[in-house]
């Protein structure tokens, strides 16, 4: 009789353990799916905290006070994208891309403060406008931040009526896998002078994109 009670008790305990472990596995799977963001999901480490910043960044976008702003805007997915000019550990000036929410450590900060990698800058003039790009690669993924002004009216004597666009393209194997446009009126388009100072000049020029 005692042996039967012991066996029954063990069976109940094991049954309880199985029931508790299942939700944890399901929750882990849900978190894995929810964290998939084409702007940060890469093979390399996703986040490197910028030099001289904390988890409560305050400045313009994700750029800290005292850093130059090469580009910054809130994207349509409600997150910020900023390119900030700073000095690294050796005293050299570099441009760093940051993506995430204001007041939090960026989900992605590239390149690392002491990395030899550089963001590249390129620009091209158009009739009545032009385009500038800041771009870099992480593994097989290419990020292209763009600002462009396109003339929409060519009638003689009429206003130019320029169309202004800013945002980010993410590409793999030459194909666009994600595109986010700036959605706020306080966008800071690419600053040509600061980009020439902090970023490397692209030898290939601007990337042809399908707008």
Protein backbone atom coordinates (compact mmCIF):
# COMPACT_ATOMS: atom_id res chain seq x y z
CA UNK A 1 0.00 0.00 0.00
CA UNK A 2 2.81 2.40 0.90
CA UNK A 3 4.63 1.55 -2.33
CA UNK A 4 1.51 2.40 -4.37
CA UNK A 5 1.24 5.80 -2.66
CA UNK A 6 4.90 6.60 -3.40
CA UNK A 7 4.51 5.69 -7.08
CA UNK A 8 1.37 7.82 -7.39
CA UNK A 9 3.07 10.81 -5.72
CA UNK A 10 6.08 10.64 -8.07
CA UNK A 11 3.78 10.46 -11.09
CA UNK A 12 1.91 13.59 -9.98
CA UNK A 13 5.18 15.54 -9.43
CA UNK A 14 6.55 14.56 -12.85
CA UNK A 15 3.26 15.51 -14.49
CA UNK A 16 3.40 18.94 -12.83
CA UNK A 17 6.97 19.55 -14.08
CA UNK A 18 5.97 18.75 -17.68
CA UNK A 19 3.05 21.16 -17.53
CA UNK A 20 5.22 24.01 -16.23
CA UNK A 21 8.01 23.62 -18.80
CA UNK A 22 5.80 23.84 -21.91
CA UNK A 23 4.76 27.52 -21.54
CA UNK A 24 8.40 28.55 -21.06
CA UNK A 25 9.37 26.89 -24.35
CA UNK A 26 6.43 28.49 -26.15
CA UNK A 27 7.28 31.91 -24.71
CA UNK A 28 10.90 31.56 -25.86
CA UNK A 29 9.75 30.73 -29.38
CA UNK A 30 7.40 33.73 -29.44
CA UNK A 31 10.19 36.05 -28.31
CA UNK A 32 12.46 34.72 -31.06
CA UNK A 33 9.87 35.49 -33.73
CA UNK A 34 8.97 38.89 -32.25
CA UNK A 35 12.62 40.03 -32.21
CA UNK A 36 13.08 39.59 -35.98
CA UNK A 37 13.78 43.11 -37.28
CA UNK A 38 15.41 43.43 -40.72
CA UNK A 39 17.20 46.58 -39.57
CA UNK A 40 19.14 44.74 -36.85
CA UNK A 41 18.90 40.97 -37.45
CA UNK A 42 22.37 39.95 -38.61
CA UNK A 43 24.96 37.20 -38.19
CA UNK A 44 27.29 39.58 -36.37
CA UNK A 45 26.69 40.91 -32.82
CA UNK A 46 23.68 43.19 -33.02
CA UNK A 47 24.65 45.98 -30.69
CA UNK A 48 27.77 47.81 -29.62
CA UNK A 49 27.28 50.65 -27.16
CA UNK A 50 28.70 53.91 -28.56
CA UNK A 51 31.65 55.50 -26.80
CA UNK A 52 30.66 58.13 -24.27
CA UNK A 53 26.96 57.23 -24.19
CA UNK A 54 24.63 55.66 -21.64
CA UNK A 55 21.25 53.97 -21.72
CA UNK A 56 19.57 57.38 -21.55
CA UNK A 57 20.84 59.17 -24.62
CA UNK A 58 19.73 62.76 -24.92
CA UNK A 59 20.54 65.01 -27.84
CA UNK A 60 19.24 65.00 -31.39
CA UNK A 61 17.72 61.61 -32.11
CA UNK A 62 20.19 59.01 -30.88
CA UNK A 63 23.19 61.36 -31.02
CA UNK A 64 24.53 62.39 -27.63
CA UNK A 65 25.12 66.03 -26.64
CA UNK A 66 28.37 67.26 -28.15
CA UNK A 67 28.23 64.88 -31.11
CA UNK A 68 27.63 66.15 -34.63
CA UNK A 69 24.43 65.01 -36.35
CA UNK A 70 25.01 63.75 -39.88
CA UNK A 71 21.46 62.42 -40.20
CA UNK A 72 18.52 61.72 -37.90
CA UNK A 73 14.82 60.96 -38.14
CA UNK A 74 11.99 58.90 -36.71
CA UNK A 75 11.08 56.09 -39.08
CA UNK A 76 7.59 54.89 -39.91
CA UNK A 77 8.09 51.97 -37.50
CA UNK A 78 8.38 54.54 -34.65
CA UNK A 79 12.09 53.91 -34.07
CA UNK A 80 14.91 56.40 -34.58
CA UNK A 81 17.78 56.18 -37.03
CA UNK A 82 20.72 58.54 -36.55
CA UNK A 83 24.23 58.89 -37.92
CA UNK A 84 26.45 60.66 -35.41
CA UNK A 85 29.93 62.14 -35.71
CA UNK A 86 32.29 61.41 -32.81
CA UNK A 87 35.90 60.77 -31.88
CA UNK A 88 36.98 57.20 -31.22
CA UNK A 89 39.46 55.94 -28.63
CA UNK A 90 42.44 56.98 -30.77
CA UNK A 91 41.13 60.51 -31.32
CA UNK A 92 40.11 59.94 -34.94
CA UNK A 93 36.74 61.25 -36.12
CA UNK A 94 34.23 58.61 -37.28
CA UNK A 95 30.58 58.38 -38.27
CA UNK A 96 28.41 55.89 -36.36
CA UNK A 97 24.95 54.64 -37.32
CA UNK A 98 22.50 54.07 -34.46
CA UNK A 99 19.05 52.50 -34.52
CA UNK A 100 16.52 52.07 -31.75
CA UNK A 101 14.40 54.06 -29.32
CA UNK A 102 15.31 57.38 -27.73
CA UNK A 103 16.26 56.96 -24.08
CA UNK A 104 17.55 53.41 -24.56
CA UNK A 105 20.85 51.86 -25.64
CA UNK A 106 20.65 51.50 -29.45
CA UNK A 107 19.65 48.11 -30.81
CA UNK A 108 22.35 48.56 -33.42
CA UNK A 109 25.38 50.86 -33.31
CA UNK A 110 27.88 50.51 -36.19
CA UNK A 111 30.82 50.64 -36.44
CA UNK A 112 32.20 50.07 -32.94
CA UNK A 113 34.06 53.08 -31.48
CA UNK A 114 37.52 51.61 -32.14
CA UNK A 115 36.74 49.65 -35.31
CA UNK A 116 38.65 50.26 -38.54
CA UNK A 117 35.37 50.02 -40.48
CA UNK A 118 33.91 53.23 -41.85
CA UNK A 119 30.54 54.42 -43.10
CA UNK A 120 30.83 55.62 -46.71
CA UNK A 121 29.41 58.84 -48.11
CA UNK A 122 28.43 59.61 -51.71
CA UNK A 123 26.30 62.21 -53.46
CA UNK A 124 25.06 63.02 -56.94
CA UNK A 125 23.39 66.18 -58.34
CA UNK A 126 20.09 66.05 -60.24
CA UNK A 127 18.38 68.71 -62.33
CA UNK A 128 16.78 70.85 -59.66
CA UNK A 129 17.85 68.56 -56.82
CA UNK A 130 20.26 65.83 -55.77
CA UNK A 131 20.81 62.78 -53.60
CA UNK A 132 23.17 61.90 -50.76
CA UNK A 133 23.82 58.47 -49.23
CA UNK A 134 25.55 57.08 -46.17
CA UNK A 135 26.02 53.35 -46.52
CA UNK A 136 27.78 50.41 -44.90
CA UNK A 137 27.80 46.60 -44.87
CA UNK A 138 27.49 44.10 -42.03
CA UNK A 139 28.14 40.61 -43.30
CA UNK A 140 26.04 40.11 -46.43
CA UNK A 141 23.66 42.96 -45.56
CA UNK A 142 23.97 46.50 -46.91
CA UNK A 143 22.40 49.51 -45.17
CA UNK A 144 21.80 52.67 -47.21
CA UNK A 145 20.64 55.89 -45.54
CA UNK A 146 19.45 58.37 -48.15
CA UNK A 147 18.25 61.95 -48.54
CA UNK A 148 17.11 63.18 -51.93
CA UNK A 149 15.39 66.14 -53.56
CA UNK A 150 13.64 65.50 -56.88
CA UNK A 151 12.27 68.21 -59.16
CA UNK A 152 8.65 67.44 -60.05
CA UNK A 153 7.74 70.41 -62.27
CA UNK A 154 9.65 71.23 -65.44
CA UNK A 155 7.17 73.72 -66.94
CA UNK A 156 8.92 77.00 -67.95
CA UNK A 157 8.32 79.78 -65.47
CA UNK A 158 6.66 77.47 -62.95
CA UNK A 159 7.96 76.57 -59.46
CA UNK A 160 10.23 73.54 -59.09
CA UNK A 161 7.85 71.85 -56.60
CA UNK A 162 10.58 69.54 -55.26
CA UNK A 163 9.77 66.18 -53.70
CA UNK A 164 11.91 65.52 -50.62
CA UNK A 165 12.53 62.01 -49.31
CA UNK A 166 14.64 60.53 -46.52
CA UNK A 167 14.92 57.01 -45.16
CA UNK A 168 16.78 53.70 -45.15
CA UNK A 169 17.10 50.76 -47.53
CA UNK A 170 18.30 47.34 -46.36
CA UNK A 171 19.59 45.04 -49.12
CA UNK A 172 20.89 41.50 -49.44
CA UNK A 173 22.45 40.09 -52.60
CA UNK A 174 21.55 43.33 -54.37
CA UNK A 175 17.85 43.02 -53.53
CA UNK A 176 15.85 45.23 -51.17
CA UNK A 177 14.60 43.30 -48.12
CA UNK A 178 13.34 46.30 -46.14
CA UNK A 179 12.69 49.98 -46.63
CA UNK A 180 11.73 52.54 -43.99
CA UNK A 181 10.87 56.15 -44.74
CA UNK A 182 11.24 59.04 -42.31
CA UNK A 183 7.84 59.92 -40.90
CA UNK A 184 8.37 62.99 -38.71
CA UNK A 185 8.56 66.64 -39.79
CA UNK A 186 11.76 67.21 -37.78
CA UNK A 187 13.93 65.01 -39.98
CA UNK A 188 17.59 66.01 -40.17
CA UNK A 189 18.59 65.11 -43.76
CA UNK A 190 22.12 64.04 -44.58
CA UNK A 191 24.54 66.89 -43.89
CA UNK A 192 27.01 67.00 -46.80
CA UNK A 193 29.77 68.90 -45.01
CA UNK A 194 29.69 66.77 -41.84
CA UNK A 195 29.46 63.56 -43.87
CA UNK A 196 32.60 64.51 -45.79
CA UNK A 197 34.35 65.14 -42.47
CA UNK A 198 33.33 62.00 -40.56
CA UNK A 199 32.65 59.38 -43.25
CA UNK A 200 34.86 57.83 -45.90
CA UNK A 201 34.29 58.80 -49.53
CA UNK A 202 32.69 56.00 -51.53
CA UNK A 203 34.71 55.12 -54.63
CA UNK A 204 31.62 53.55 -56.26
CA UNK A 205 29.38 56.61 -55.89
CA UNK A 206 25.71 56.38 -54.97
CA UNK A 207 23.89 53.05 -55.01
CA UNK A 208 21.10 52.82 -57.58
CA UNK A 209 17.89 52.18 -55.67
CA UNK A 210 14.34 51.34 -56.74
CA UNK A 211 12.20 54.06 -55.18
